[in-house]
PDB file of all heavy atoms in Angstrom:
ATOM      1  N   THR A   1     109.309 102.820  15.332  1.00  0.00           N
ATOM      2  CA  THR A   1     108.798 101.876  14.260  1.00  0.00           C
ATOM      3  C   THR A   1     107.719 101.034  14.896  1.00  0.00           C
ATOM      4  O   THR A   1     107.831 100.441  15.962  1.00  0.00           O
ATOM      5  CB  THR A   1     109.912 100.935  13.778  1.00  0.00           C
ATOM      6  OG1 THR A   1     110.459 100.290  14.876  1.00  0.00           O
ATOM      7  CG2 THR A   1     110.976 101.705  13.005  1.00  0.00           C
ATOM      8  N   PRO A   2     106.563 101.010  14.269  1.00  0.00           N
ATOM      9  CA  PRO A   2     105.498 100.204  14.729  1.00  0.00           C
ATOM     10  C   PRO A   2     105.801  98.713  14.581  1.00  0.00           C
ATOM     11  O   PRO A   2     106.570  98.291  13.824  1.00  0.00           O
ATOM     12  CB  PRO A   2     104.274 100.581  13.873  1.00  0.00           C
ATOM     13  CG  PRO A   2     104.891 101.075  12.599  1.00  0.00           C
ATOM     14  CD  PRO A   2     106.216 101.696  13.004  1.00  0.00           C
ATOM     15  N   ALA A   3     105.033  97.880  15.357  1.00  0.00           N
ATOM     16  CA  ALA A   3     105.269  96.452  15.250  1.00  0.00           C
ATOM     17  C   ALA A   3     104.929  96.007  13.808  1.00  0.00           C
ATOM     18  O   ALA A   3     103.970  96.406  13.243  1.00  0.00           O
ATOM     19  CB  ALA A   3     104.371  95.709  16.226  1.00  0.00           C
ATOM     20  N   ARG A   4     105.781  95.154  13.276  1.00  0.00           N
ATOM     21  CA  ARG A   4     105.573  94.775  11.851  1.00  0.00           C
ATOM     22  C   ARG A   4     104.792  93.527  11.824  1.00  0.00           C
ATOM     23  O   ARG A   4     104.933  92.590  12.660  1.00  0.00           O
ATOM     24  CB  ARG A   4     106.947  94.494  11.176  1.00  0.00           C
ATOM     25  CG  ARG A   4     107.797  95.791  11.119  1.00  0.00           C
ATOM     26  CD  ARG A   4     109.074  95.469  10.448  1.00  0.00           C
ATOM     27  NE  ARG A   4     109.663  94.294  11.097  1.00  0.00           N
ATOM     28  CZ  ARG A   4     110.957  94.051  11.098  1.00  0.00           C
ATOM     29  NH1 ARG A   4     111.752  94.898  10.570  1.00  0.00           N
ATOM     30  NH2 ARG A   4     111.458  92.952  11.716  1.00  0.00           N
ATOM     31  N   ALA A   5     103.886  93.403  10.877  1.00  0.00           N
ATOM     32  CA  ALA A   5     103.012  92.222  10.769  1.00  0.00           C
ATOM     33  C   ALA A   5     103.795  90.995  10.500  1.00  0.00           C
ATOM     34  O   ALA A   5     103.465  89.921  10.982  1.00  0.00           O
ATOM     35  CB  ALA A   5     101.985  92.455   9.600  1.00  0.00           C
ATOM     36  N   GLN A   6     104.991  91.107   9.788  1.00  0.00           N
ATOM     37  CA  GLN A   6     105.743  89.867   9.505  1.00  0.00           C
ATOM     38  C   GLN A   6     106.446  89.324  10.739  1.00  0.00           C
ATOM     39  O   GLN A   6     106.947  88.275  10.739  1.00  0.00           O
ATOM     40  CB  GLN A   6     106.815  90.221   8.391  1.00  0.00           C
ATOM     41  CG  GLN A   6     107.830  91.175   8.691  1.00  0.00           C
ATOM     42  CD  GLN A   6     107.466  92.597   8.166  1.00  0.00           C
ATOM     43  OE1 GLN A   6     106.291  92.908   8.151  1.00  0.00           O
ATOM     44  NE2 GLN A   6     108.425  93.362   7.812  1.00  0.00           N
ATOM     45  N   ASP A   7     106.425  90.067  11.888  1.00  0.00           N
ATOM     46  CA  ASP A   7     106.984  89.545  13.067  1.00  0.00           C
ATOM     47  C   ASP A   7     106.075  88.568  13.711  1.00  0.00           C
ATOM     48  O   ASP A   7     106.456  87.727  14.560  1.00  0.00           O
ATOM     49  CB  ASP A   7     107.188  90.694  14.086  1.00  0.00           C
ATOM     50  CG  ASP A   7     108.417  91.588  13.710  1.00  0.00           C
ATOM     51  OD1 ASP A   7     109.199  91.174  12.848  1.00  0.00           O
ATOM     52  OD2 ASP A   7     108.463  92.675  14.236  1.00  0.00           O
ATOM     53  N   ALA A   8     104.795  88.535  13.323  1.00  0.00           N
ATOM     54  CA  ALA A   8     103.814  87.551  13.850  1.00  0.00           C
ATOM     55  C   ALA A   8     104.039  86.251  13.172  1.00  0.00           C
ATOM     56  O   ALA A   8     104.482  86.155  12.012  1.00  0.00           O
ATOM     57  CB  ALA A   8     102.441  88.072  13.604  1.00  0.00           C
ATOM     58  N   TYR A   9     103.796  85.169  13.849  1.00  0.00           N
ATOM     59  CA  TYR A   9     103.870  83.818  13.415  1.00  0.00           C
ATOM     60  C   TYR A   9     102.530  83.175  13.546  1.00  0.00           C
ATOM     61  O   TYR A   9     102.108  82.869  14.675  1.00  0.00           O
ATOM     62  CB  TYR A   9     104.980  83.082  14.200  1.00  0.00           C
ATOM     63  CG  TYR A   9     105.287  81.697  13.825  1.00  0.00           C
ATOM     64  CD1 TYR A   9     105.801  81.370  12.559  1.00  0.00           C
ATOM     65  CD2 TYR A   9     105.033  80.623  14.683  1.00  0.00           C
ATOM     66  CE1 TYR A   9     106.101  80.072  12.233  1.00  0.00           C
ATOM     67  CE2 TYR A   9     105.315  79.338  14.366  1.00  0.00           C
ATOM     68  CZ  TYR A   9     105.870  79.053  13.132  1.00  0.00           C
ATOM     69  OH  TYR A   9     106.145  77.716  12.831  1.00  0.00           O
ATOM     70  N   TYR A  10     101.809  83.066  12.420  1.00  0.00           N
ATOM     71  CA  TYR A  10     100.461  82.511  12.468  1.00  0.00           C
ATOM     72  C   TYR A  10      99.581  83.377  13.466  1.00  0.00           C
ATOM     73  O   TYR A  10      98.815  82.879  14.161  1.00  0.00           O
ATOM     74  CB  TYR A  10     100.343  81.071  12.793  1.00  0.00           C
ATOM     75  CG  TYR A  10     100.923  80.197  11.704  1.00  0.00           C
ATOM     76  CD1 TYR A  10     102.206  79.660  11.797  1.00  0.00           C
ATOM     77  CD2 TYR A  10     100.205  80.042  10.525  1.00  0.00           C
ATOM     78  CE1 TYR A  10     102.693  78.949  10.726  1.00  0.00           C
ATOM     79  CE2 TYR A  10     100.683  79.238   9.517  1.00  0.00           C
ATOM     80  CZ  TYR A  10     101.986  78.707   9.640  1.00  0.00           C
ATOM     81  OH  TYR A  10     102.457  77.973   8.627  1.00  0.00           O
ATOM     82  N   GLY A  11      99.870  84.673  13.460  1.00  0.00           N
ATOM     83  CA  GLY A  11      99.049  85.565  14.319  1.00  0.00           C
ATOM     84  C   GLY A  11      99.635  85.735  15.728  1.00  0.00           C
ATOM     85  O   GLY A  11      99.222  86.614  16.421  1.00  0.00           O
ATOM     86  N   CYS A  12     100.563  84.937  16.030  1.00  0.00           N
ATOM     87  CA  CYS A  12     101.219  84.994  17.413  1.00  0.00           C
ATOM     88  C   CYS A  12     102.248  86.116  17.399  1.00  0.00           C
ATOM     89  O   CYS A  12     103.157  85.990  16.564  1.00  0.00           O
ATOM     90  CB  CYS A  12     101.759  83.623  17.776  1.00  0.00           C
ATOM     91  SG  CYS A  12     102.361  83.549  19.456  1.00  0.00           S
ATOM     92  N   PRO A  13     102.143  87.090  18.316  1.00  0.00           N
ATOM     93  CA  PRO A  13     103.041  88.201  18.273  1.00  0.00           C
ATOM     94  C   PRO A  13     104.493  87.776  18.612  1.00  0.00           C
ATOM     95  O   PRO A  13     104.732  86.789  19.350  1.00  0.00           O
ATOM     96  CB  PRO A  13     102.528  89.152  19.373  1.00  0.00           C
ATOM     97  CG  PRO A  13     101.235  88.654  19.796  1.00  0.00           C
ATOM     98  CD  PRO A  13     101.125  87.163  19.349  1.00  0.00           C
ATOM     99  N   ALA A  14     105.437  88.542  18.090  1.00  0.00           N
ATOM    100  CA  ALA A  14     106.821  88.193  18.376  1.00  0.00           C
ATOM    101  C   ALA A  14     107.113  88.289  19.873  1.00  0.00           C
ATOM    102  O   ALA A  14     106.681  89.151  20.592  1.00  0.00           O
ATOM    103  CB  ALA A  14     107.791  89.265  17.682  1.00  0.00           C
ATOM    104  N   GLY A  15     107.846  87.300  20.394  1.00  0.00           N
ATOM    105  CA  GLY A  15     108.191  87.236  21.812  1.00  0.00           C
ATOM    106  C   GLY A  15     107.144  86.461  22.636  1.00  0.00           C
ATOM    107  O   GLY A  15     107.321  86.277  23.822  1.00  0.00           O
ATOM    108  N   ALA A  16     106.125  85.937  22.035  1.00  0.00           N
ATOM    109  CA  ALA A  16     105.036  85.223  22.705  1.00  0.00           C
ATOM    110  C   ALA A  16     104.943  83.799  22.376  1.00  0.00           C
ATOM    111  O   ALA A  16     105.457  83.343  21.358  1.00  0.00           O
ATOM    112  CB  ALA A  16     103.694  85.947  22.450  1.00  0.00           C
ATOM    113  N   VAL A  17     104.183  83.053  23.243  1.00  0.00           N
ATOM    114  CA  VAL A  17     103.813  81.735  22.890  1.00  0.00           C
ATOM    115  C   VAL A  17     102.244  81.709  22.914  1.00  0.00           C
ATOM    116  O   VAL A  17     101.682  82.321  23.813  1.00  0.00           O
ATOM    117  CB  VAL A  17     104.325  80.722  23.938  1.00  0.00           C
ATOM    118  CG1 VAL A  17     103.739  79.339  23.783  1.00  0.00           C
ATOM    119  CG2 VAL A  17     105.823  80.624  23.886  1.00  0.00           C
ATOM    120  N   CYS A  18     101.656  81.120  21.880  1.00  0.00           N
ATOM    121  CA  CYS A  18     100.207  81.208  21.747  1.00  0.00           C
ATOM    122  C   CYS A  18      99.537  79.844  21.695  1.00  0.00           C
ATOM    123  O   CYS A  18     100.071  78.881  21.076  1.00  0.00           O
ATOM    124  CB  CYS A  18      99.832  81.992  20.455  1.00  0.00           C
ATOM    125  SG  CYS A  18     100.448  83.679  20.362  1.00  0.00           S
ATOM    126  N   LEU A  19      98.417  79.778  22.352  1.00  0.00           N
ATOM    127  CA  LEU A  19      97.606  78.599  22.322  1.00  0.00           C
ATOM    128  C   LEU A  19      96.353  78.873  21.559  1.00  0.00           C
ATOM    129  O   LEU A  19      95.744  79.895  21.730  1.00  0.00           O
ATOM    130  CB  LEU A  19      97.201  78.184  23.797  1.00  0.00           C
ATOM    131  CG  LEU A  19      96.337  76.934  23.932  1.00  0.00           C
ATOM    132  CD1 LEU A  19      97.075  75.703  23.487  1.00  0.00           C
ATOM    133  CD2 LEU A  19      95.865  76.806  25.405  1.00  0.00           C
ATOM    134  N   TYR A  20      96.021  77.982  20.626  1.00  0.00           N
ATOM    135  CA  TYR A  20      94.850  78.186  19.737  1.00  0.00           C
ATOM    136  C   TYR A  20      93.694  77.355  20.165  1.00  0.00           C
ATOM    137  O   TYR A  20      93.864  76.340  20.924  1.00  0.00           O
ATOM    138  CB  TYR A  20      95.269  77.771  18.288  1.00  0.00           C
ATOM    139  CG  TYR A  20      96.356  78.652  17.679  1.00  0.00           C
ATOM    140  CD1 TYR A  20      97.653  78.528  18.085  1.00  0.00           C
ATOM    141  CD2 TYR A  20      95.993  79.664  16.784  1.00  0.00           C
ATOM    142  CE1 TYR A  20      98.653  79.323  17.530  1.00  0.00           C
ATOM    143  CE2 TYR A  20      96.969  80.475  16.292  1.00  0.00           C
ATOM    144  CZ  TYR A  20      98.313  80.369  16.711  1.00  0.00           C
ATOM    145  OH  TYR A  20      99.281  81.124  16.140  1.00  0.00           O
ATOM    146  N   ALA A  21      92.491  77.765  19.844  1.00  0.00           N
ATOM    147  CA  ALA A  21      91.291  77.123  20.193  1.00  0.00           C
ATOM    148  C   ALA A  21      91.272  75.666  19.713  1.00  0.00           C
ATOM    149  O   ALA A  21      91.989  75.307  18.785  1.00  0.00           O
ATOM    150  CB  ALA A  21      90.087  77.813  19.587  1.00  0.00           C
ATOM    151  N   ARG A  22      90.474  74.886  20.384  1.00  0.00           N
ATOM    152  CA  ARG A  22      90.365  73.482  20.026  1.00  0.00           C
ATOM    153  C   ARG A  22      90.031  73.265  18.605  1.00  0.00           C
ATOM    154  O   ARG A  22      89.139  73.949  18.065  1.00  0.00           O
ATOM    155  CB  ARG A  22      89.339  72.813  20.930  1.00  0.00           C
ATOM    156  CG  ARG A  22      89.177  71.337  20.718  1.00  0.00           C
ATOM    157  CD  ARG A  22      88.213  70.685  21.657  1.00  0.00           C
ATOM    158  NE  ARG A  22      88.143  69.323  21.383  1.00  0.00           N
ATOM    159  CZ  ARG A  22      87.532  68.496  22.235  1.00  0.00           C
ATOM    160  NH1 ARG A  22      86.941  68.921  23.313  1.00  0.00           N
ATOM    161  NH2 ARG A  22      87.513  67.199  21.906  1.00  0.00           N
ATOM    162  N   ASP A  23      90.745  72.371  17.966  1.00  0.00           N
ATOM    163  CA  ASP A  23      90.510  72.133  16.529  1.00  0.00           C
ATOM    164  C   ASP A  23      90.633  70.612  16.308  1.00  0.00           C
ATOM    165  O   ASP A  23      91.738  70.105  16.252  1.00  0.00           O
ATOM    166  CB  ASP A  23      91.534  72.881  15.746  1.00  0.00           C
ATOM    167  CG  ASP A  23      91.287  72.784  14.201  1.00  0.00           C
ATOM    168  OD1 ASP A  23      90.208  72.450  13.787  1.00  0.00           O
ATOM    169  OD2 ASP A  23      92.250  73.005  13.419  1.00  0.00           O
ATOM    170  N   ALA A  24      89.554  69.920  16.123  1.00  0.00           N
ATOM    171  CA  ALA A  24      89.603  68.477  16.022  1.00  0.00           C
ATOM    172  C   ALA A  24      90.256  67.921  14.802  1.00  0.00           C
ATOM    173  O   ALA A  24      90.757  66.843  14.713  1.00  0.00           O
ATOM    174  CB  ALA A  24      88.146  67.893  16.137  1.00  0.00           C
ATOM    175  N   GLU A  25      90.254  68.819  13.701  1.00  0.00           N
ATOM    176  CA  GLU A  25      90.902  68.324  12.478  1.00  0.00           C
ATOM    177  C   GLU A  25      92.365  68.581  12.453  1.00  0.00           C
ATOM    178  O   GLU A  25      92.868  69.492  13.175  1.00  0.00           O
ATOM    179  CB  GLU A  25      90.187  69.005  11.250  1.00  0.00           C
ATOM    180  CG  GLU A  25      90.452  70.504  11.229  1.00  0.00           C
ATOM    181  CD  GLU A  25      89.700  71.179  10.157  1.00  0.00           C
ATOM    182  OE1 GLU A  25      88.514  71.360  10.250  1.00  0.00           O
ATOM    183  OE2 GLU A  25      90.360  71.523   9.142  1.00  0.00           O
ATOM    184  N   SER A  26      93.099  67.772  11.768  1.00  0.00           N
ATOM    185  CA  SER A  26      94.534  68.041  11.725  1.00  0.00           C
ATOM    186  C   SER A  26      94.816  68.919  10.553  1.00  0.00           C
ATOM    187  O   SER A  26      93.985  69.264   9.750  1.00  0.00           O
ATOM    188  CB  SER A  26      95.221  66.651  11.477  1.00  0.00           C
ATOM    189  OG  SER A  26      94.841  66.083  10.252  1.00  0.00           O
ATOM    190  N   GLY A  27      96.031  69.370  10.402  1.00  0.00           N
ATOM    191  CA  GLY A  27      96.429  70.298   9.410  1.00  0.00           C
ATOM    192  C   GLY A  27      96.616  71.701   9.964  1.00  0.00           C
ATOM    193  O   GLY A  27      96.421  71.908  11.147  1.00  0.00           O
ATOM    194  N   TRP A  28      97.040  72.631   9.119  1.00  0.00           N
ATOM    195  CA  TRP A  28      97.384  74.001   9.580  1.00  0.00           C
ATOM    196  C   TRP A  28      96.144  74.899   9.738  1.00  0.00           C
ATOM    197  O   TRP A  28      96.319  76.051  10.137  1.00  0.00           O
ATOM    198  CB  TRP A  28      98.345  74.626   8.545  1.00  0.00           C
ATOM    199  CG  TRP A  28      99.713  73.967   8.631  1.00  0.00           C
ATOM    200  CD1 TRP A  28     100.192  72.968   7.792  1.00  0.00           C
ATOM    201  CD2 TRP A  28     100.710  74.251   9.598  1.00  0.00           C
ATOM    202  NE1 TRP A  28     101.392  72.640   8.230  1.00  0.00           N
ATOM    203  CE2 TRP A  28     101.785  73.368   9.318  1.00  0.00           C
ATOM    204  CE3 TRP A  28     100.815  75.125  10.650  1.00  0.00           C
ATOM    205  CZ2 TRP A  28     102.952  73.380  10.033  1.00  0.00           C
ATOM    206  CZ3 TRP A  28     101.988  75.107  11.380  1.00  0.00           C
ATOM    207  CH2 TRP A  28     103.057  74.258  11.063  1.00  0.00           C
ATOM    208  N   SER A  29      94.936  74.368   9.444  1.00  0.00           N
ATOM    209  CA  SER A  29      93.766  75.264   9.550  1.00  0.00           C
ATOM    210  C   SER A  29      93.591  75.775  11.004  1.00  0.00           C
ATOM    211  O   SER A  29      92.935  76.736  11.197  1.00  0.00           O
ATOM    212  CB  SER A  29      92.560  74.496   9.060  1.00  0.00           C
ATOM    213  OG  SER A  29      92.320  73.373   9.891  1.00  0.00           O
ATOM    214  N   GLY A  30      94.080  75.071  11.970  1.00  0.00           N
ATOM    215  CA  GLY A  30      93.926  75.417  13.371  1.00  0.00           C
ATOM    216  C   GLY A  30      94.736  76.641  13.705  1.00  0.00           C
ATOM    217  O   GLY A  30      94.582  77.257  14.817  1.00  0.00           O
ATOM    218  N   LEU A  31      95.683  77.019  12.894  1.00  0.00           N
ATOM    219  CA  LEU A  31      96.528  78.162  13.240  1.00  0.00           C
ATOM    220  C   LEU A  31      96.049  79.509  12.693  1.00  0.00           C
ATOM    221  O   LEU A  31      96.724  80.416  12.413  1.00  0.00           O
ATOM    222  CB  LEU A  31      97.984  77.930  12.665  1.00  0.00           C
ATOM    223  CG  LEU A  31      98.751  76.900  13.527  1.00  0.00           C
ATOM    224  CD1 LEU A  31     100.034  76.542  12.815  1.00  0.00           C
ATOM    225  CD2 LEU A  31      98.981  77.380  14.913  1.00  0.00           C
ATOM    226  N   ASP A  32      94.738  79.660  12.571  1.00  0.00           N
ATOM    227  CA  ASP A  32      94.097  80.882  12.199  1.00  0.00           C
ATOM    228  C   ASP A  32      94.291  81.906  13.384  1.00  0.00           C
ATOM    229  O   ASP A  32      93.912  81.559  14.475  1.00  0.00           O
ATOM    230  CB  ASP A  32      92.569  80.648  11.963  1.00  0.00           C
ATOM    231  CG  ASP A  32      91.842  81.879  11.582  1.00  0.00           C
ATOM    232  OD1 ASP A  32      92.406  82.972  11.560  1.00  0.00           O
ATOM    233  OD2 ASP A  32      90.668  81.755  11.268  1.00  0.00           O
ATOM    234  N   PRO A  33      94.834  83.094  13.092  1.00  0.00           N
ATOM    235  CA  PRO A  33      95.101  84.102  14.118  1.00  0.00           C
ATOM    236  C   PRO A  33      93.821  84.435  14.991  1.00  0.00           C
ATOM    237  O   PRO A  33      93.928  84.775  16.118  1.00  0.00           O
ATOM    238  CB  PRO A  33      95.612  85.289  13.377  1.00  0.00           C
ATOM    239  CG  PRO A  33      96.096  84.801  12.111  1.00  0.00           C
ATOM    240  CD  PRO A  33      95.320  83.529  11.784  1.00  0.00           C
ATOM    241  N   LYS A  34      92.671  84.320  14.346  1.00  0.00           N
ATOM    242  CA  LYS A  34      91.443  84.595  15.063  1.00  0.00           C
ATOM    243  C   LYS A  34      91.076  83.571  16.081  1.00  0.00           C
ATOM    244  O   LYS A  34      90.176  83.689  16.947  1.00  0.00           O
ATOM    245  CB  LYS A  34      90.276  84.708  14.089  1.00  0.00           C
ATOM    246  CG  LYS A  34      90.423  85.877  13.057  1.00  0.00           C
ATOM    247  CD  LYS A  34      89.276  85.845  12.080  1.00  0.00           C
ATOM    248  CE  LYS A  34      89.613  86.792  10.936  1.00  0.00           C
ATOM    249  NZ  LYS A  34      89.120  86.348   9.683  1.00  0.00           N
ATOM    250  N   ARG A  35      91.783  82.452  16.036  1.00  0.00           N
ATOM    251  CA  ARG A  35      91.504  81.333  16.985  1.00  0.00           C
ATOM    252  C   ARG A  35      92.499  81.293  18.152  1.00  0.00           C
ATOM    253  O   ARG A  35      92.454  80.340  18.945  1.00  0.00           O
ATOM    254  CB  ARG A  35      91.501  80.004  16.166  1.00  0.00           C
ATOM    255  CG  ARG A  35      90.440  79.925  15.184  1.00  0.00           C
ATOM    256  CD  ARG A  35      90.410  78.629  14.387  1.00  0.00           C
ATOM    257  NE  ARG A  35      90.346  77.440  15.214  1.00  0.00           N
ATOM    258  CZ  ARG A  35      89.271  76.868  15.699  1.00  0.00           C
ATOM    259  NH1 ARG A  35      88.082  77.363  15.445  1.00  0.00           N
ATOM    260  NH2 ARG A  35      89.331  75.768  16.490  1.00  0.00           N
ATOM    261  N   ILE A  36      93.306  82.269  18.320  1.00  0.00           N
ATOM    262  CA  ILE A  36      94.239  82.344  19.513  1.00  0.00           C
ATOM    263  C   ILE A  36      93.389  82.512  20.725  1.00  0.00           C
ATOM    264  O   ILE A  36      92.602  83.485  20.796  1.00  0.00           O
ATOM    265  CB  ILE A  36      95.298  83.388  19.378  1.00  0.00           C
ATOM    266  CG1 ILE A  36      96.211  83.135  18.173  1.00  0.00           C
ATOM    267  CG2 ILE A  36      96.080  83.599  20.612  1.00  0.00           C
ATOM    268  CD1 ILE A  36      97.234  84.211  17.823  1.00  0.00           C
ATOM    269  N   THR A  37      93.534  81.765  21.740  1.00  0.00           N
ATOM    270  CA  THR A  37      92.774  81.858  23.017  1.00  0.00           C
ATOM    271  C   THR A  37      93.645  82.377  24.148  1.00  0.00           C
ATOM    272  O   THR A  37      93.131  82.993  25.005  1.00  0.00           O
ATOM    273  CB  THR A  37      92.153  80.524  23.443  1.00  0.00           C
ATOM    274  OG1 THR A  37      93.126  79.526  23.543  1.00  0.00           O
ATOM    275  CG2 THR A  37      91.147  80.083  22.366  1.00  0.00           C
ATOM    276  N   ASN A  38      94.937  82.011  24.069  1.00  0.00           N
ATOM    277  CA  ASN A  38      95.838  82.409  25.198  1.00  0.00           C
ATOM    278  C   ASN A  38      97.153  82.911  24.580  1.00  0.00           C
ATOM    279  O   ASN A  38      97.656  82.203  23.678  1.00  0.00           O
ATOM    280  CB  ASN A  38      96.107  81.276  26.134  1.00  0.00           C
ATOM    281  CG  ASN A  38      94.893  80.733  26.848  1.00  0.00           C
ATOM    282  OD1 ASN A  38      93.945  80.331  26.156  1.00  0.00           O
ATOM    283  ND2 ASN A  38      94.942  80.641  28.100  1.00  0.00           N
ATOM    284  N   VAL A  39      97.681  83.960  25.149  1.00  0.00           N
ATOM    285  CA  VAL A  39      99.001  84.524  24.709  1.00  0.00           C
ATOM    286  C   VAL A  39      99.812  84.621  25.992  1.00  0.00           C
ATOM    287  O   VAL A  39      99.444  85.282  26.896  1.00  0.00           O
ATOM    288  CB  VAL A  39      98.836  85.902  24.032  1.00  0.00           C
ATOM    289  CG1 VAL A  39     100.295  86.424  23.639  1.00  0.00           C
ATOM    290  CG2 VAL A  39      97.984  85.787  22.787  1.00  0.00           C
ATOM    291  N   TYR A  40     101.022  83.964  25.953  1.00  0.00           N
ATOM    292  CA  TYR A  40     101.864  83.890  27.125  1.00  0.00           C
ATOM    293  C   TYR A  40     103.111  84.731  26.816  1.00  0.00           C
ATOM    294  O   TYR A  40     103.779  84.534  25.820  1.00  0.00           O
ATOM    295  CB  TYR A  40     102.255  82.467  27.502  1.00  0.00           C
ATOM    296  CG  TYR A  40     101.074  81.647  27.725  1.00  0.00           C
ATOM    297  CD1 TYR A  40     100.651  80.696  26.761  1.00  0.00           C
ATOM    298  CD2 TYR A  40     100.335  81.668  28.922  1.00  0.00           C
ATOM    299  CE1 TYR A  40      99.508  79.857  26.984  1.00  0.00           C
ATOM    300  CE2 TYR A  40      99.253  80.905  29.143  1.00  0.00           C
ATOM    301  CZ  TYR A  40      98.814  80.048  28.182  1.00  0.00           C
ATOM    302  OH  TYR A  40      97.730  79.223  28.368  1.00  0.00           O
ATOM    303  N   TRP A  41     103.446  85.611  27.698  1.00  0.00           N
ATOM    304  CA  TRP A  41     104.653  86.527  27.536  1.00  0.00           C
ATOM    305  C   TRP A  41     105.680  86.259  28.542  1.00  0.00           C
ATOM    306  O   TRP A  41     106.878  86.479  28.257  1.00  0.00           O
ATOM    307  CB  TRP A  41     104.186  88.026  27.650  1.00  0.00           C
ATOM    308  CG  TRP A  41     103.247  88.488  26.545  1.00  0.00           C
ATOM    309  CD1 TRP A  41     101.889  88.518  26.605  1.00  0.00           C
ATOM    310  CD2 TRP A  41     103.604  88.958  25.228  1.00  0.00           C
ATOM    311  NE1 TRP A  41     101.404  88.957  25.437  1.00  0.00           N
ATOM    312  CE2 TRP A  41     102.424  89.272  24.605  1.00  0.00           C
ATOM    313  CE3 TRP A  41     104.862  89.051  24.599  1.00  0.00           C
ATOM    314  CZ2 TRP A  41     102.417  89.740  23.276  1.00  0.00           C
ATOM    315  CZ3 TRP A  41     104.826  89.536  23.332  1.00  0.00           C
ATOM    316  CH2 TRP A  41     103.616  89.850  22.627  1.00  0.00           C
ATOM    317  N   SER A  42     105.337  85.850  29.705  1.00  0.00           N
ATOM    318  CA  SER A  42     106.338  85.857  30.813  1.00  0.00           C
ATOM    319  C   SER A  42     106.881  84.413  30.983  1.00  0.00           C
ATOM    320  O   SER A  42     106.277  83.389  30.754  1.00  0.00           O
ATOM    321  CB  SER A  42     105.629  86.264  32.115  1.00  0.00           C
ATOM    322  OG  SER A  42     104.583  85.417  32.430  1.00  0.00           O
ATOM    323  N   TYR A  43     108.170  84.397  31.463  1.00  0.00           N
ATOM    324  CA  TYR A  43     108.833  83.114  31.656  1.00  0.00           C
ATOM    325  C   TYR A  43     108.225  82.462  32.938  1.00  0.00           C
ATOM    326  O   TYR A  43     107.762  83.130  33.837  1.00  0.00           O
ATOM    327  CB  TYR A  43     110.292  83.336  31.856  1.00  0.00           C
ATOM    328  CG  TYR A  43     110.956  83.754  30.565  1.00  0.00           C
ATOM    329  CD1 TYR A  43     111.507  85.062  30.474  1.00  0.00           C
ATOM    330  CD2 TYR A  43     111.085  82.880  29.523  1.00  0.00           C
ATOM    331  CE1 TYR A  43     112.084  85.449  29.278  1.00  0.00           C
ATOM    332  CE2 TYR A  43     111.689  83.333  28.318  1.00  0.00           C
ATOM    333  CZ  TYR A  43     112.177  84.623  28.170  1.00  0.00           C
ATOM    334  OH  TYR A  43     112.772  85.018  27.070  1.00  0.00           O
ATOM    335  N   GLY A  44     108.272  81.156  32.993  1.00  0.00           N
ATOM    336  CA  GLY A  44     107.755  80.427  34.080  1.00  0.00           C
ATOM    337  C   GLY A  44     106.573  79.582  33.711  1.00  0.00           C
ATOM    338  O   GLY A  44     106.230  79.393  32.464  1.00  0.00           O
TER     339      GLY A  44
END
């Protein structure tokens, strides 16, 4: 089974922690999947 799109959370893949690009405004607009700059998979 291929990875399902619904497993992503605001574009962040299942099992990961994602940091998004700087966004000076408040609100959910900063969680655009195209603005992910770092994806962390490993513990530590």
